């Protein structure tokens, strides 16, 4: 499991070392360490990417977005990470787009510029998936 990476005293593929919000501990607890890229460029192999995508799909089917989307935004605002943003987007894309947009709207309309950008990125990914038929 990935939990050991959060205790490392240095930078990891997850950005600055910090514990994710409690609402996301189950999610990160299910990520296998060998799914994550060991290189500094955050490049996944096809096998790693497929494993993460499948896990995100399964996790989304078993959980509701109401508490997790706000936790994802909070996590990305506290620990900005391109890797985590990709992974969270893969979860978000497996939920009902209309429902997720309604959760994202207060963040998008809010005054916190970083949270607004995170919400905008999720919305853009949803729109792109809808346009491509995914």
N, C-alpha and C. Protein backbone atom coordinates (compact mmCIF):
# COMPACT_ATOMS: atom_id res chain seq x y z
N UNK A 1 0.82 -1.19 0.00
CA UNK A 1 0.00 0.00 0.00
C UNK A 1 0.87 1.25 0.00
N UNK A 2 0.26 2.37 -0.30
CA UNK A 2 0.99 3.60 -0.52
C UNK A 2 1.20 4.42 0.74
N UNK A 3 0.60 4.06 1.82
CA UNK A 3 0.64 4.87 3.03
C UNK A 3 2.06 5.23 3.46
N UNK A 4 3.01 4.36 3.22
CA UNK A 4 4.37 4.65 3.67
C UNK A 4 4.96 5.87 2.99
N UNK A 5 4.53 6.22 1.80
CA UNK A 5 5.07 7.38 1.10
C UNK A 5 4.76 8.69 1.79
N UNK A 6 3.65 8.74 2.51
CA UNK A 6 3.27 9.98 3.16
C UNK A 6 4.14 10.27 4.38
N UNK A 7 4.88 9.30 4.83
CA UNK A 7 5.72 9.49 6.01
C UNK A 7 7.16 9.85 5.64
N UNK A 8 7.49 9.79 4.36
CA UNK A 8 8.86 10.09 3.95
C UNK A 8 9.18 11.56 4.22
N UNK A 9 10.40 11.86 4.64
CA UNK A 9 10.77 13.23 4.95
C UNK A 9 11.16 14.05 3.73
N UNK A 10 11.02 13.52 2.52
CA UNK A 10 11.41 14.26 1.33
C UNK A 10 10.23 14.38 0.38
N UNK A 11 10.48 15.04 -0.76
CA UNK A 11 9.46 15.19 -1.79
C UNK A 11 9.17 13.82 -2.40
N UNK A 12 7.89 13.52 -2.68
CA UNK A 12 7.52 12.26 -3.32
C UNK A 12 6.74 12.58 -4.58
N UNK A 13 6.28 11.56 -5.28
CA UNK A 13 5.48 11.79 -6.48
C UNK A 13 4.15 12.45 -6.14
N UNK A 14 3.83 12.56 -4.87
CA UNK A 14 2.58 13.17 -4.43
C UNK A 14 2.76 14.62 -4.03
N UNK A 15 3.86 15.22 -4.37
CA UNK A 15 4.08 16.61 -4.00
C UNK A 15 4.66 16.69 -2.61
N UNK A 16 4.42 17.80 -1.96
CA UNK A 16 4.93 17.97 -0.60
C UNK A 16 4.34 16.90 0.29
N UNK A 17 5.17 16.35 1.13
CA UNK A 17 4.73 15.28 2.01
C UNK A 17 3.71 15.84 2.99
N UNK A 18 2.56 15.26 2.98
CA UNK A 18 1.47 15.63 3.87
C UNK A 18 0.45 14.52 3.81
N UNK A 19 -0.32 14.43 4.81
CA UNK A 19 -1.38 13.42 4.85
C UNK A 19 -2.59 13.97 4.12
N UNK A 20 -3.20 13.18 3.24
CA UNK A 20 -4.40 13.65 2.56
C UNK A 20 -5.56 13.81 3.55
N UNK A 21 -6.60 14.55 3.18
CA UNK A 21 -7.76 14.67 4.08
C UNK A 21 -8.29 13.28 4.46
N UNK A 22 -8.86 13.18 5.63
CA UNK A 22 -9.36 11.90 6.14
C UNK A 22 -10.34 11.25 5.17
N UNK A 23 -11.15 12.05 4.49
CA UNK A 23 -12.13 11.50 3.55
C UNK A 23 -11.46 10.74 2.40
N UNK A 24 -10.18 11.00 2.17
CA UNK A 24 -9.46 10.36 1.07
C UNK A 24 -8.50 9.27 1.54
N UNK A 25 -8.44 9.01 2.82
CA UNK A 25 -7.49 8.02 3.31
C UNK A 25 -7.79 6.63 2.77
N UNK A 26 -9.06 6.28 2.64
CA UNK A 26 -9.41 4.97 2.07
C UNK A 26 -8.97 4.90 0.61
N UNK A 27 -9.18 5.98 -0.13
CA UNK A 27 -8.77 6.02 -1.53
C UNK A 27 -7.27 5.78 -1.66
N UNK A 28 -6.47 6.59 -0.96
CA UNK A 28 -5.02 6.46 -1.08
C UNK A 28 -4.52 5.15 -0.48
N UNK A 29 -5.24 4.62 0.51
CA UNK A 29 -4.84 3.34 1.09
C UNK A 29 -4.95 2.19 0.11
N UNK A 30 -5.79 2.34 -0.92
CA UNK A 30 -5.97 1.29 -1.91
C UNK A 30 -5.03 1.37 -3.09
N UNK A 31 -4.26 2.44 -3.17
CA UNK A 31 -3.31 2.60 -4.27
C UNK A 31 -2.05 1.77 -3.95
N UNK A 32 -1.68 0.92 -4.88
CA UNK A 32 -0.49 0.10 -4.70
C UNK A 32 0.75 0.91 -5.04
N UNK A 33 1.78 0.80 -4.26
CA UNK A 33 3.02 1.56 -4.47
C UNK A 33 3.61 1.31 -5.85
N UNK A 34 3.50 0.08 -6.36
CA UNK A 34 4.11 -0.21 -7.66
C UNK A 34 3.30 0.35 -8.84
N UNK A 35 2.12 0.94 -8.57
CA UNK A 35 1.36 1.62 -9.62
C UNK A 35 1.92 3.00 -9.90
N UNK A 36 2.68 3.53 -8.97
CA UNK A 36 3.16 4.90 -9.07
C UNK A 36 4.55 4.92 -9.69
N UNK A 37 4.81 5.95 -10.45
CA UNK A 37 6.09 6.06 -11.14
C UNK A 37 7.20 6.43 -10.16
N UNK A 38 8.30 5.74 -10.21
CA UNK A 38 9.42 6.09 -9.35
C UNK A 38 10.26 7.24 -9.91
N UNK A 39 9.99 7.67 -11.18
CA UNK A 39 10.86 8.70 -11.74
C UNK A 39 10.33 10.10 -11.46
N UNK A 40 11.22 11.06 -11.56
CA UNK A 40 10.87 12.43 -11.22
C UNK A 40 9.97 13.09 -12.25
N UNK A 41 9.80 12.49 -13.40
CA UNK A 41 8.96 13.06 -14.45
C UNK A 41 7.50 12.64 -14.35
N UNK A 42 7.18 11.82 -13.36
CA UNK A 42 5.81 11.38 -13.13
C UNK A 42 5.21 10.69 -14.35
N UNK A 43 6.00 9.89 -15.03
CA UNK A 43 5.53 9.17 -16.21
C UNK A 43 5.18 7.75 -15.80
N UNK A 44 3.95 7.35 -16.10
CA UNK A 44 3.50 6.00 -15.79
C UNK A 44 3.73 5.08 -16.98
N UNK A 45 3.97 3.81 -16.68
CA UNK A 45 3.97 2.80 -17.74
C UNK A 45 2.50 2.53 -18.10
N UNK A 46 2.28 1.87 -19.22
CA UNK A 46 0.91 1.53 -19.60
C UNK A 46 0.24 0.68 -18.53
N UNK A 47 1.00 -0.26 -17.96
CA UNK A 47 0.45 -1.13 -16.91
C UNK A 47 0.07 -0.36 -15.65
N UNK A 48 0.92 0.58 -15.26
CA UNK A 48 0.62 1.40 -14.09
C UNK A 48 -0.63 2.23 -14.34
N UNK A 49 -0.69 2.88 -15.50
CA UNK A 49 -1.82 3.73 -15.84
C UNK A 49 -3.12 2.92 -15.85
N UNK A 50 -3.09 1.76 -16.46
CA UNK A 50 -4.29 0.91 -16.52
C UNK A 50 -4.74 0.48 -15.12
N UNK A 51 -3.79 0.15 -14.26
CA UNK A 51 -4.13 -0.26 -12.89
C UNK A 51 -4.77 0.90 -12.13
N UNK A 52 -4.21 2.10 -12.27
CA UNK A 52 -4.76 3.26 -11.58
C UNK A 52 -6.14 3.61 -12.14
N UNK A 53 -6.29 3.60 -13.46
CA UNK A 53 -7.58 3.90 -14.07
C UNK A 53 -8.66 2.92 -13.60
N UNK A 54 -8.32 1.65 -13.56
CA UNK A 54 -9.29 0.64 -13.11
C UNK A 54 -9.64 0.85 -11.65
N UNK A 55 -8.64 1.14 -10.83
CA UNK A 55 -8.89 1.39 -9.41
C UNK A 55 -9.80 2.62 -9.24
N UNK A 56 -9.53 3.68 -9.98
CA UNK A 56 -10.34 4.91 -9.88
C UNK A 56 -11.79 4.63 -10.27
N UNK A 57 -11.98 3.86 -11.32
CA UNK A 57 -13.32 3.50 -11.77
C UNK A 57 -14.06 2.70 -10.71
N UNK A 58 -13.39 1.71 -10.15
CA UNK A 58 -13.98 0.88 -9.10
C UNK A 58 -14.30 1.72 -7.86
N UNK A 59 -13.37 2.57 -7.47
CA UNK A 59 -13.57 3.41 -6.29
C UNK A 59 -14.77 4.34 -6.50
N UNK A 60 -14.87 4.94 -7.67
CA UNK A 60 -15.98 5.86 -7.95
C UNK A 60 -17.32 5.13 -7.89
N UNK A 61 -17.36 3.90 -8.35
CA UNK A 61 -18.62 3.12 -8.32
C UNK A 61 -19.04 2.80 -6.89
N UNK A 62 -18.09 2.71 -5.99
CA UNK A 62 -18.37 2.32 -4.61
C UNK A 62 -18.56 3.51 -3.68
N UNK A 63 -18.31 4.73 -4.16
CA UNK A 63 -18.38 5.91 -3.30
C UNK A 63 -19.10 7.05 -4.00
N UNK A 64 -19.68 7.93 -3.22
CA UNK A 64 -20.41 9.08 -3.74
C UNK A 64 -19.50 10.31 -3.75
N UNK A 65 -19.73 11.22 -4.68
CA UNK A 65 -18.85 12.38 -4.81
C UNK A 65 -19.10 13.51 -3.80
N UNK A 66 -20.21 13.50 -3.09
CA UNK A 66 -20.57 14.64 -2.23
C UNK A 66 -19.48 15.05 -1.25
N UNK A 67 -18.86 14.13 -0.58
CA UNK A 67 -17.81 14.49 0.37
C UNK A 67 -16.42 14.36 -0.24
N UNK A 68 -16.29 13.55 -1.28
CA UNK A 68 -14.96 13.30 -1.84
C UNK A 68 -14.47 14.41 -2.77
N UNK A 69 -15.37 14.98 -3.56
CA UNK A 69 -14.93 16.07 -4.45
C UNK A 69 -14.41 17.25 -3.63
N UNK A 70 -15.15 17.72 -2.60
CA UNK A 70 -14.58 18.79 -1.78
C UNK A 70 -13.26 18.40 -1.12
N UNK A 71 -13.12 17.15 -0.71
CA UNK A 71 -11.87 16.70 -0.11
C UNK A 71 -10.74 16.71 -1.14
N UNK A 72 -11.04 16.34 -2.38
CA UNK A 72 -10.03 16.38 -3.44
C UNK A 72 -9.57 17.81 -3.69
N UNK A 73 -10.52 18.73 -3.72
CA UNK A 73 -10.17 20.14 -3.94
C UNK A 73 -9.32 20.64 -2.77
N UNK A 74 -9.71 20.29 -1.57
CA UNK A 74 -8.94 20.70 -0.39
C UNK A 74 -7.52 20.12 -0.45
N UNK A 75 -7.43 18.85 -0.81
CA UNK A 75 -6.12 18.20 -0.90
C UNK A 75 -5.24 18.88 -1.94
N UNK A 76 -5.78 19.13 -3.12
CA UNK A 76 -4.99 19.75 -4.18
C UNK A 76 -4.63 21.20 -3.85
N UNK A 77 -5.45 21.86 -3.06
CA UNK A 77 -5.12 23.24 -2.68
C UNK A 77 -4.03 23.26 -1.60
N UNK A 78 -3.99 22.22 -0.75
CA UNK A 78 -2.97 22.14 0.30
C UNK A 78 -1.68 21.52 -0.21
N UNK A 79 -1.80 20.54 -1.10
CA UNK A 79 -0.63 19.82 -1.62
C UNK A 79 -0.72 19.76 -3.14
N UNK A 80 -0.47 20.88 -3.81
CA UNK A 80 -0.57 20.88 -5.27
C UNK A 80 0.30 19.78 -5.87
N UNK A 81 -0.30 19.02 -6.77
CA UNK A 81 0.40 17.90 -7.36
C UNK A 81 -0.25 17.55 -8.69
N UNK A 82 0.53 17.60 -9.75
CA UNK A 82 0.01 17.22 -11.06
C UNK A 82 -0.42 15.76 -11.07
N UNK A 83 0.33 14.91 -10.42
CA UNK A 83 0.00 13.49 -10.36
C UNK A 83 -1.34 13.29 -9.66
N UNK A 84 -1.50 13.88 -8.50
CA UNK A 84 -2.76 13.73 -7.77
C UNK A 84 -3.92 14.31 -8.57
N UNK A 85 -3.70 15.43 -9.25
CA UNK A 85 -4.76 16.04 -10.05
C UNK A 85 -5.21 15.08 -11.15
N UNK A 86 -4.27 14.42 -11.82
CA UNK A 86 -4.64 13.42 -12.83
C UNK A 86 -5.45 12.30 -12.20
N UNK A 87 -4.96 11.78 -11.10
CA UNK A 87 -5.63 10.64 -10.46
C UNK A 87 -7.03 11.04 -9.99
N UNK A 88 -7.17 12.19 -9.35
CA UNK A 88 -8.50 12.63 -8.92
C UNK A 88 -9.42 12.86 -10.11
N UNK A 89 -8.89 13.38 -11.20
CA UNK A 89 -9.71 13.58 -12.40
C UNK A 89 -10.24 12.25 -12.90
N UNK A 90 -9.42 11.21 -12.85
CA UNK A 90 -9.87 9.90 -13.29
C UNK A 90 -11.00 9.36 -12.42
N UNK A 91 -11.01 9.71 -11.15
CA UNK A 91 -12.13 9.33 -10.29
C UNK A 91 -13.36 10.16 -10.67
N UNK A 92 -13.19 11.47 -10.75
CA UNK A 92 -14.29 12.39 -11.04
C UNK A 92 -15.00 12.01 -12.34
N UNK A 93 -14.26 11.61 -13.34
CA UNK A 93 -14.85 11.27 -14.64
C UNK A 93 -15.71 10.02 -14.60
N UNK A 94 -15.64 9.29 -13.50
CA UNK A 94 -16.46 8.09 -13.36
C UNK A 94 -17.75 8.34 -12.58
N UNK A 95 -17.99 9.56 -12.17
CA UNK A 95 -19.24 9.93 -11.50
C UNK A 95 -20.15 10.65 -12.48
N UNK A 96 -21.40 10.81 -12.11
CA UNK A 96 -22.38 11.53 -12.91
C UNK A 96 -21.92 12.98 -13.08
N UNK A 97 -21.76 13.40 -14.32
CA UNK A 97 -21.21 14.73 -14.61
C UNK A 97 -22.07 15.85 -14.04
N UNK A 98 -23.38 15.72 -14.15
CA UNK A 98 -24.28 16.77 -13.64
C UNK A 98 -24.14 16.90 -12.12
N UNK A 99 -24.06 15.78 -11.45
CA UNK A 99 -23.91 15.78 -9.99
C UNK A 99 -22.58 16.41 -9.58
N UNK A 100 -21.52 16.05 -10.27
CA UNK A 100 -20.20 16.59 -9.94
C UNK A 100 -20.15 18.10 -10.22
N UNK A 101 -20.74 18.52 -11.33
CA UNK A 101 -20.76 19.96 -11.63
C UNK A 101 -21.45 20.74 -10.51
N UNK A 102 -22.55 20.18 -9.98
CA UNK A 102 -23.26 20.89 -8.91
C UNK A 102 -22.40 21.00 -7.65
N UNK A 103 -21.56 20.02 -7.41
CA UNK A 103 -20.64 20.06 -6.27
C UNK A 103 -19.51 21.07 -6.53
N UNK A 104 -19.06 21.14 -7.77
CA UNK A 104 -17.96 22.03 -8.13
C UNK A 104 -18.36 23.50 -8.21
N UNK A 105 -19.62 23.77 -8.50
CA UNK A 105 -20.07 25.15 -8.72
C UNK A 105 -19.71 26.10 -7.59
N UNK A 106 -19.95 25.77 -6.32
CA UNK A 106 -19.57 26.72 -5.26
C UNK A 106 -18.07 27.03 -5.22
N UNK A 107 -17.25 26.05 -5.56
CA UNK A 107 -15.80 26.28 -5.61
C UNK A 107 -15.45 27.17 -6.80
N UNK A 108 -16.09 26.91 -7.93
CA UNK A 108 -15.84 27.69 -9.13
C UNK A 108 -16.30 29.14 -8.96
N UNK A 109 -17.41 29.32 -8.27
CA UNK A 109 -17.96 30.66 -8.04
C UNK A 109 -17.35 31.36 -6.83
N UNK A 110 -16.54 30.65 -6.06
CA UNK A 110 -15.99 31.20 -4.82
C UNK A 110 -14.85 32.18 -5.05
N UNK A 111 -14.34 32.70 -3.94
CA UNK A 111 -13.28 33.72 -3.97
C UNK A 111 -11.87 33.16 -3.89
N UNK A 112 -11.73 31.87 -3.58
CA UNK A 112 -10.40 31.27 -3.48
C UNK A 112 -9.92 30.92 -4.89
N UNK A 113 -8.91 31.66 -5.37
CA UNK A 113 -8.44 31.50 -6.75
C UNK A 113 -7.92 30.09 -7.05
N UNK A 114 -7.22 29.50 -6.10
CA UNK A 114 -6.68 28.16 -6.33
C UNK A 114 -7.79 27.13 -6.42
N UNK A 115 -8.74 27.18 -5.49
CA UNK A 115 -9.86 26.22 -5.53
C UNK A 115 -10.72 26.44 -6.77
N UNK A 116 -10.87 27.69 -7.18
CA UNK A 116 -11.60 28.00 -8.41
C UNK A 116 -10.91 27.35 -9.60
N UNK A 117 -9.57 27.43 -9.67
CA UNK A 117 -8.83 26.83 -10.77
C UNK A 117 -8.94 25.30 -10.76
N UNK A 118 -8.87 24.72 -9.58
CA UNK A 118 -9.01 23.26 -9.47
C UNK A 118 -10.39 22.83 -9.97
N UNK A 119 -11.43 23.55 -9.52
CA UNK A 119 -12.79 23.24 -9.98
C UNK A 119 -12.90 23.42 -11.49
N UNK A 120 -12.31 24.48 -12.01
CA UNK A 120 -12.34 24.73 -13.46
C UNK A 120 -11.66 23.61 -14.23
N UNK A 121 -10.56 23.10 -13.69
CA UNK A 121 -9.86 21.99 -14.34
C UNK A 121 -10.71 20.73 -14.36
N UNK A 122 -11.39 20.44 -13.25
CA UNK A 122 -12.30 19.28 -13.23
C UNK A 122 -13.44 19.47 -14.23
N UNK A 123 -14.02 20.66 -14.26
CA UNK A 123 -15.12 20.94 -15.19
C UNK A 123 -14.64 20.79 -16.63
N UNK A 124 -13.46 21.30 -16.94
CA UNK A 124 -12.92 21.18 -18.29
C UNK A 124 -12.72 19.71 -18.67
N UNK A 125 -12.26 18.91 -17.74
CA UNK A 125 -12.07 17.48 -18.02
C UNK A 125 -13.41 16.80 -18.27
N UNK A 126 -14.41 17.16 -17.50
CA UNK A 126 -15.75 16.60 -17.71
C UNK A 126 -16.28 16.98 -19.09
N UNK A 127 -16.14 18.25 -19.44
CA UNK A 127 -16.61 18.72 -20.74
C UNK A 127 -15.87 18.04 -21.89
N UNK A 128 -14.57 17.87 -21.73
CA UNK A 128 -13.79 17.20 -22.76
C UNK A 128 -14.23 15.75 -22.93
N UNK A 129 -14.50 15.08 -21.80
CA UNK A 129 -14.96 13.69 -21.87
C UNK A 129 -16.33 13.61 -22.54
N UNK A 130 -17.19 14.56 -22.23
CA UNK A 130 -18.52 14.57 -22.85
C UNK A 130 -18.43 14.80 -24.36
N UNK A 131 -17.56 15.72 -24.76
CA UNK A 131 -17.39 16.03 -26.18
C UNK A 131 -16.81 14.85 -26.96
N UNK A 132 -15.95 14.09 -26.31
CA UNK A 132 -15.34 12.95 -26.97
C UNK A 132 -16.18 11.68 -26.87
N UNK A 133 -17.28 11.79 -26.14
CA UNK A 133 -18.18 10.64 -26.03
C UNK A 133 -17.81 9.64 -24.97
N UNK A 134 -16.89 9.98 -24.09
CA UNK A 134 -16.47 9.05 -23.01
C UNK A 134 -17.30 9.23 -21.78
